[in-house]
Protein backbone atom coordinates (compact mmCIF):
# COMPACT_ATOMS: atom_id res chain seq x y z
CA MET A 1 -1.37 10.26 15.23
CA LYS A 2 -2.56 9.53 11.72
CA LEU A 3 -0.12 9.47 8.82
CA LYS A 4 -1.22 12.11 6.28
CA ASP A 5 0.29 13.60 3.13
CA ASN A 6 0.05 17.15 1.76
CA PHE A 7 -3.28 16.33 0.10
CA ASN A 8 -4.82 15.21 3.39
CA ARG A 9 -4.89 11.54 2.40
CA THR A 10 -4.68 9.30 5.46
CA HIS A 11 -2.23 6.42 5.06
CA ASP A 12 -3.21 3.48 7.23
CA TYR A 13 -1.95 0.71 4.95
CA VAL A 14 1.74 -0.13 4.57
CA ARG A 15 3.24 -2.67 2.18
CA ILE A 16 6.63 -3.99 3.26
CA SER A 17 8.90 -6.00 0.97
CA LEU A 18 10.64 -8.80 2.87
CA ILE A 19 13.06 -9.62 0.08
CA ASP A 20 13.93 -8.20 -3.33
CA LYS A 21 14.32 -11.58 -5.01
CA CYS A 22 11.86 -13.95 -6.61
CA ASN A 23 11.97 -17.56 -7.76
CA LEU A 24 9.95 -16.81 -10.92
CA ASN A 25 10.79 -14.82 -14.05
CA CYS A 26 7.37 -13.49 -15.02
CA ILE A 27 7.22 -11.67 -18.35
CA TYR A 28 5.51 -8.60 -16.86
CA CYS A 29 7.96 -8.26 -13.98
CA ASN A 30 11.29 -9.98 -14.49
CA PRO A 31 11.55 -11.00 -18.16
CA SER A 32 15.33 -10.60 -18.32
CA ASN A 33 15.82 -13.06 -15.45
CA THR A 34 17.60 -10.58 -13.21
CA LEU A 35 17.35 -13.15 -10.41
CA ALA A 36 20.38 -14.86 -11.87
CA LYS A 37 22.35 -11.62 -11.63
CA LEU A 38 21.46 -10.85 -8.01
CA GLU A 39 23.76 -11.86 -5.22
CA SER A 40 22.86 -12.19 -1.56
CA ASN A 41 21.74 -8.79 -0.35
CA LYS A 42 22.93 -8.19 3.18
CA SER A 43 21.46 -4.71 3.21
CA ILE A 44 17.84 -5.81 3.56
CA LEU A 45 16.05 -5.06 6.81
CA SER A 46 16.67 -7.68 9.47
CA TYR A 47 13.72 -9.30 11.20
CA GLU A 48 14.54 -7.32 14.36
CA GLU A 49 14.51 -4.06 12.38
CA LEU A 50 11.24 -5.02 10.73
CA TYR A 51 9.71 -5.79 14.12
CA ARG A 52 10.69 -2.36 15.41
CA LEU A 53 9.33 -0.70 12.28
CA ILE A 54 5.99 -2.49 12.44
CA LYS A 55 5.59 -1.65 16.11
CA ILE A 56 6.16 2.04 15.33
CA LEU A 57 3.68 1.94 12.44
CA VAL A 58 0.83 0.32 14.34
CA ARG A 59 1.45 1.97 17.71
CA ASP A 60 2.43 5.52 16.77
CA LEU A 61 1.03 6.07 13.27
CA GLU A 62 -2.28 4.18 13.54
CA VAL A 63 -1.56 1.88 10.61
CA LYS A 64 -4.36 -0.69 10.35
CA LYS A 65 -3.03 -3.03 7.70
CA ILE A 66 0.45 -4.41 7.04
CA ARG A 67 1.00 -6.43 3.89
CA PHE A 68 4.22 -8.33 3.26
CA THR A 69 5.42 -8.59 -0.32
CA GLY A 70 8.64 -9.29 -2.19
CA GLY A 71 10.06 -10.31 -4.59
CA GLU A 72 8.57 -13.48 -3.21
CA PRO A 73 8.35 -13.04 0.57
CA LEU A 74 8.03 -16.72 1.42
CA ILE A 75 11.44 -17.65 0.01
CA ARG A 76 13.24 -15.60 2.67
CA LYS A 77 15.13 -17.75 5.16
CA ASP A 78 13.36 -18.37 8.48
CA VAL A 79 10.33 -16.40 7.35
CA MET A 80 7.99 -18.39 9.58
CA LYS A 81 10.01 -17.39 12.64
CA PHE A 82 9.42 -13.78 11.61
CA PHE A 83 5.66 -14.25 11.41
CA GLU A 84 5.78 -15.87 14.83
CA MET A 85 7.67 -12.78 16.10
CA ILE A 86 5.11 -10.30 14.85
CA SER A 87 2.18 -12.40 16.06
CA SER A 88 2.95 -10.96 19.51
CA LEU A 89 2.19 -7.47 18.17
CA LYS A 90 -1.24 -8.67 17.04
CA LYS A 91 -2.09 -9.29 20.67
CA GLN A 92 -1.19 -5.71 21.60
CA TYR A 93 -2.37 -3.62 18.65
CA ASP A 94 -5.35 -3.58 16.30
CA PHE A 95 -4.07 -4.27 12.78
CA GLU A 96 -4.37 -6.85 10.03
CA ILE A 97 -1.58 -8.86 8.44
CA GLY A 98 -1.63 -9.80 4.76
CA ILE A 99 0.78 -11.44 2.34
CA THR A 100 1.13 -11.12 -1.42
CA THR A 101 2.74 -14.27 -2.80
CA ASN A 102 3.15 -16.22 -6.01
CA GLY A 103 2.00 -19.30 -4.10
CA THR A 104 4.93 -21.52 -5.01
CA HIS A 105 6.19 -21.80 -1.41
CA LEU A 106 2.85 -21.31 0.31
CA LEU A 107 1.30 -24.76 0.70
CA ASP A 108 3.37 -26.07 3.62
CA LYS A 109 3.24 -22.70 5.41
CA LEU A 110 -0.51 -22.11 5.37
CA ASP A 111 -1.31 -23.69 8.73
CA GLY A 112 1.49 -21.78 10.44
CA LEU A 113 0.56 -18.47 8.82
CA LYS A 114 -3.02 -18.79 10.01
CA LYS A 115 -1.80 -19.70 13.50
CA PHE A 116 0.42 -16.60 13.58
CA GLY A 117 -2.40 -14.24 12.72
CA VAL A 118 -2.12 -13.77 8.96
CA GLU A 119 -5.64 -12.97 7.77
CA ARG A 120 -5.34 -11.94 4.14
CA LEU A 121 -3.68 -13.75 1.25
CA ASN A 122 -3.24 -12.40 -2.27
CA ILE A 123 -1.98 -15.14 -4.56
CA SER A 124 -0.76 -14.55 -8.10
CA LEU A 125 -2.11 -16.83 -10.82
CA ASP A 126 -2.11 -15.44 -14.35
CA THR A 127 -3.42 -18.46 -16.21
CA LEU A 128 -5.30 -21.72 -15.70
CA ASN A 129 -3.25 -23.39 -18.41
CA LYS A 130 -0.16 -25.22 -17.18
CA THR A 131 1.79 -24.79 -20.42
CA LYS A 132 1.00 -21.09 -20.50
CA PHE A 133 1.93 -20.80 -16.81
CA ILE A 134 5.42 -22.01 -17.62
CA ALA A 135 5.64 -19.60 -20.56
CA ILE A 136 4.61 -16.65 -18.36
CA THR A 137 6.65 -17.46 -15.25
CA GLY A 138 9.57 -19.44 -16.66
CA LYS A 139 9.00 -22.19 -14.07
CA ASP A 140 6.74 -25.21 -13.56
CA PHE A 141 4.93 -24.39 -10.31
CA PHE A 142 1.38 -24.48 -11.62
CA ASP A 143 0.17 -27.43 -9.55
CA ASP A 144 1.80 -26.10 -6.37
CA THR A 145 0.12 -22.72 -6.79
CA VAL A 146 -3.36 -24.04 -7.55
CA THR A 147 -3.20 -26.55 -4.68
CA ALA A 148 -2.10 -23.77 -2.30
CA ILE A 149 -5.04 -21.60 -3.37
CA GLN A 150 -7.48 -24.43 -2.76
CA LYS A 151 -6.05 -25.17 0.68
CA ALA A 152 -6.05 -21.48 1.63
CA ILE A 153 -9.75 -21.32 0.81
CA SER A 154 -10.48 -24.44 2.86
CA LEU A 155 -8.63 -23.06 5.91
CA GLY A 156 -10.94 -20.07 6.08
CA PHE A 157 -8.62 -17.10 5.89
CA LYS A 158 -10.49 -13.81 6.25
CA SER A 159 -9.65 -12.93 2.64
CA VAL A 160 -8.23 -14.91 -0.25
CA LYS A 161 -7.68 -13.06 -3.50
CA VAL A 162 -6.33 -14.43 -6.76
CA ASN A 163 -4.45 -11.81 -8.78
CA ALA A 164 -4.06 -12.11 -12.55
CA VAL A 165 -2.13 -9.60 -14.66
CA VAL A 166 -3.93 -9.44 -18.00
CA ILE A 167 -1.84 -9.08 -21.16
CA LYS A 168 -3.38 -8.93 -24.61
CA ASN A 169 -2.70 -12.00 -26.76
CA ILE A 170 -1.20 -13.79 -23.76
CA ASN A 171 -3.99 -14.53 -21.30
CA ASP A 172 -6.83 -12.15 -22.15
CA ASP A 173 -8.76 -15.08 -23.60
CA GLU A 174 -9.00 -16.67 -20.14
CA LEU A 175 -11.05 -14.11 -18.22
CA ASN A 176 -14.25 -16.12 -18.38
CA ASN A 177 -12.33 -19.30 -17.62
CA PHE A 178 -11.22 -17.75 -14.33
CA VAL A 179 -14.76 -16.76 -13.45
CA GLU A 180 -16.10 -20.20 -14.33
CA TYR A 181 -13.37 -22.01 -12.38
CA PHE A 182 -13.68 -19.97 -9.18
CA LYS A 183 -17.37 -19.01 -9.26
CA SER A 184 -18.41 -21.28 -6.39
CA TYR A 185 -15.60 -20.14 -4.07
CA PRO A 186 -15.96 -17.31 -1.49
CA ILE A 187 -12.95 -15.42 -2.83
CA THR A 188 -12.13 -12.47 -5.08
CA VAL A 189 -10.42 -12.82 -8.44
CA ARG A 190 -8.77 -9.56 -9.45
CA PHE A 191 -7.79 -8.75 -13.00
CA ILE A 192 -4.90 -6.28 -13.10
CA GLU A 193 -4.05 -3.94 -15.94
CA TYR A 194 -0.61 -4.54 -17.43
CA MET A 195 1.65 -1.82 -16.01
CA PRO A 196 5.01 -0.43 -17.16
CA PHE A 197 7.93 -1.32 -14.90
CA THR A 198 11.67 -1.12 -15.32
CA GLY A 199 12.87 -3.91 -17.60
CA ASN A 200 9.50 -5.41 -18.52
CA GLN A 201 9.49 -3.97 -22.08
CA TRP A 202 6.01 -2.57 -21.61
CA ASP A 203 4.15 -2.20 -24.89
CA GLY A 204 0.84 -0.38 -25.19
CA SER A 205 -0.32 -2.85 -27.82
CA LYS A 206 -0.39 -5.53 -25.10
CA PHE A 207 -2.54 -3.40 -22.82
CA LEU A 208 -6.17 -4.25 -22.08
CA SER A 209 -8.17 -1.76 -20.03
CA TRP A 210 -10.43 -2.81 -17.19
CA ARG A 211 -13.48 -1.73 -19.18
CA GLU A 212 -12.52 -4.07 -22.02
CA MET A 213 -12.07 -6.89 -19.52
CA LYS A 214 -15.45 -6.18 -17.94
CA TYR A 215 -17.17 -6.08 -21.32
CA GLN A 216 -15.74 -9.48 -22.19
CA ILE A 217 -16.90 -11.04 -18.93
CA GLU A 218 -20.37 -9.51 -19.18
CA GLU A 219 -20.92 -11.32 -22.45
CA LYS A 220 -21.24 -14.48 -20.36
CA PHE A 221 -21.87 -13.44 -16.74
CA SER A 222 -24.03 -10.88 -14.98
CA LEU A 223 -22.05 -8.45 -12.82
CA THR A 224 -23.39 -6.32 -9.96
CA GLU A 225 -21.16 -3.50 -8.77
CA ILE A 226 -20.17 -3.39 -5.11
CA GLU A 227 -20.13 0.17 -3.82
CA SER A 228 -16.91 1.05 -2.01
CA ASP A 229 -14.94 4.08 -0.93
CA GLY A 230 -11.22 4.31 -1.47
CA LYS A 231 -10.64 0.72 -2.58
CA VAL A 232 -7.90 -0.08 -5.03
CA SER A 233 -10.14 -2.28 -7.17
CA LYS A 234 -13.54 -1.96 -8.79
CA ASP A 235 -15.44 -4.94 -7.38
CA PHE A 236 -18.46 -6.87 -8.63
CA PHE A 237 -20.59 -9.81 -7.59
CA VAL A 238 -20.89 -12.51 -10.25
CA ASP A 239 -24.45 -13.70 -10.90
CA GLU A 240 -25.72 -15.41 -7.74
CA GLU A 241 -22.37 -17.04 -7.03
CA GLN A 242 -20.05 -16.64 -4.03
CA LEU A 243 -17.28 -15.26 -6.20
CA LYS A 244 -16.44 -11.59 -6.44
CA ILE A 245 -14.26 -10.17 -9.18
CA GLY A 246 -12.27 -6.97 -9.16
CA PHE A 247 -10.43 -4.84 -11.68
CA ILE A 248 -7.27 -2.94 -10.76
CA SER A 249 -7.14 -0.04 -13.16
CA SER A 250 -3.84 1.64 -12.27
CA ILE A 251 -3.30 2.85 -15.83
CA SER A 252 -6.66 3.61 -17.45
CA ASP A 253 -8.48 4.90 -14.37
CA HIS A 254 -6.12 5.57 -11.49
CA PHE A 255 -7.28 5.69 -7.88
CA CYS A 256 -4.67 8.18 -6.65
CA ASP A 257 -7.27 10.47 -5.06
CA SER A 258 -8.06 7.88 -2.42
CA CYS A 259 -4.64 6.25 -2.10
CA ASN A 260 -4.00 5.19 1.49
CA ARG A 261 -0.84 3.16 1.09
CA LEU A 262 2.85 3.55 1.69
CA ARG A 263 5.52 1.14 0.47
CA ILE A 264 8.79 0.19 2.10
CA THR A 265 11.38 -1.70 0.08
CA ALA A 266 13.35 -4.66 1.39
CA THR A 267 16.31 -2.36 2.00
CA GLY A 268 14.20 0.06 4.01
CA GLN A 269 13.59 2.83 1.50
CA ILE A 270 10.20 4.52 1.52
CA LYS A 271 8.20 4.66 -1.71
CA ASN A 272 5.21 6.98 -1.55
CA CYS A 273 3.86 5.57 -4.81
CA LEU A 274 4.32 2.34 -6.69
CA PHE A 275 5.94 4.38 -9.46
CA SER A 276 7.87 7.02 -7.49
CA ASN A 277 11.52 7.40 -6.53
CA PRO A 278 12.46 5.73 -3.24
CA SER A 279 13.68 7.84 -0.34
CA GLU A 280 17.38 8.67 -0.48
CA VAL A 281 17.87 7.68 3.16
CA SER A 282 17.01 4.14 4.19
CA LEU A 283 15.06 3.41 7.33
CA LYS A 284 17.62 0.68 7.99
CA SER A 285 20.21 3.17 9.23
CA LEU A 286 17.65 4.50 11.71
CA LEU A 287 16.11 1.22 12.81
CA SER A 288 19.46 -0.45 13.45
CA ASP A 289 20.66 2.37 15.73
CA GLU A 290 19.26 1.97 19.23
CA SER A 291 20.33 5.51 20.10
CA ILE A 292 17.82 6.87 17.58
CA SER A 293 14.42 7.25 19.18
CA ASP A 294 11.16 5.91 17.80
CA GLU A 295 9.94 9.51 17.69
CA THR A 296 12.74 10.38 15.26
CA ILE A 297 11.72 7.50 13.01
CA VAL A 298 8.10 8.65 13.13
CA GLU A 299 9.18 12.13 12.04
CA PHE A 300 11.27 10.69 9.20
CA ILE A 301 8.34 8.67 7.87
CA GLN A 302 6.01 11.65 8.11
CA LYS A 303 8.47 13.91 6.31
CA SER A 304 9.04 11.36 3.54
CA LEU A 305 5.31 11.19 2.86
CA GLN A 306 5.08 14.92 2.14
CA SER A 307 6.73 14.47 -1.26
CA LYS A 308 3.98 12.13 -2.49
CA TRP A 309 2.44 13.02 -5.86
CA MET A 310 -1.19 14.02 -6.21
CA LYS A 311 -1.31 11.41 -8.97
CA HIS A 312 1.22 9.31 -10.84
CA PRO A 313 2.41 10.14 -14.40
CA SER A 314 0.89 8.68 -17.56
CA ALA A 315 1.68 5.17 -18.79
CA ASP A 316 4.00 6.46 -21.51
CA GLU A 317 5.93 8.53 -18.97
CA LEU A 318 6.11 5.62 -16.54
CA ALA A 319 7.46 3.35 -19.26
CA VAL A 320 10.70 5.34 -19.45
CA LEU A 321 11.26 5.69 -15.69
CA ASN A 322 14.07 3.65 -14.24
CA GLN A 323 13.20 3.44 -10.57
CA ASN A 324 10.27 1.06 -10.49
CA ASN A 325 11.60 -2.47 -10.72
CA MET A 326 8.62 -4.54 -9.59
CA MET A 327 10.73 -7.25 -7.98
CA SER A 328 12.35 -4.76 -5.60
CA ILE A 329 9.17 -2.78 -4.89
CA GLY A 330 6.83 -5.62 -4.09
CA GLY A 331 3.76 -4.26 -5.86
């Protein structure tokens, strides 16, 4: 059966956070360095619980894409054993596996990830300037990240996307640099509007809309729009190059009408929207209990989805919410 909300939107894409910790302190996500305040969280879903959940999603709810996020998913202990576990499900069910990562722990895992059926990689890179990279992230992993991106491209993953959060007076002067640097690669560079999240001190004066970004790029490059239905980004071909660029306009031009995604936090709570309250009951208590049937878990997921908004609140309203810490949601 398909997973649908009250507005008849089919949800066939689930983002699962593997861990609610990150090794970076990015200014748009974790500026107060909450990593230092977090202790080991034993309440996150175990790999066995995650396996059961994914099987239910792809077998019973016709989910076609699973994306693993964090925090930073690749810093979780024994994460490659987990990807080996779920590779067996790929042989039984028709779905894609993706990962969103900051790239700092990706390089030595790329061959294994491809072997275990990971097809899509989204890698965060907010600047092409090493000094600025350290200023944005708080750490010196620039070379590791860029090298990982280059190797990922060479290995021929089905999709490699580079994600850059654009903040006015921080990195908005680099848009054309990104296009120039990646123009000969068969990838997508996506420029993401700066969004308000708990603790990131969001300020509207730092916001640059996707239209402003596009205007800046078109001063140097010719863009041809790629028609698409229900995609999260507005995509364009660049001149006659292999590169595609996309704009994620969550704030200035939301795509709620066609939203097809559900989020599950590392602790097993369901988030119907990136900005919404998580479910009060965690899936962990259900997944860990063998006496609870898969059918019961299916019903719980379906019921949770019925509270999904038609669209998320405005940026100003989101800025004062206290339930959308990016590091725990996973984007």
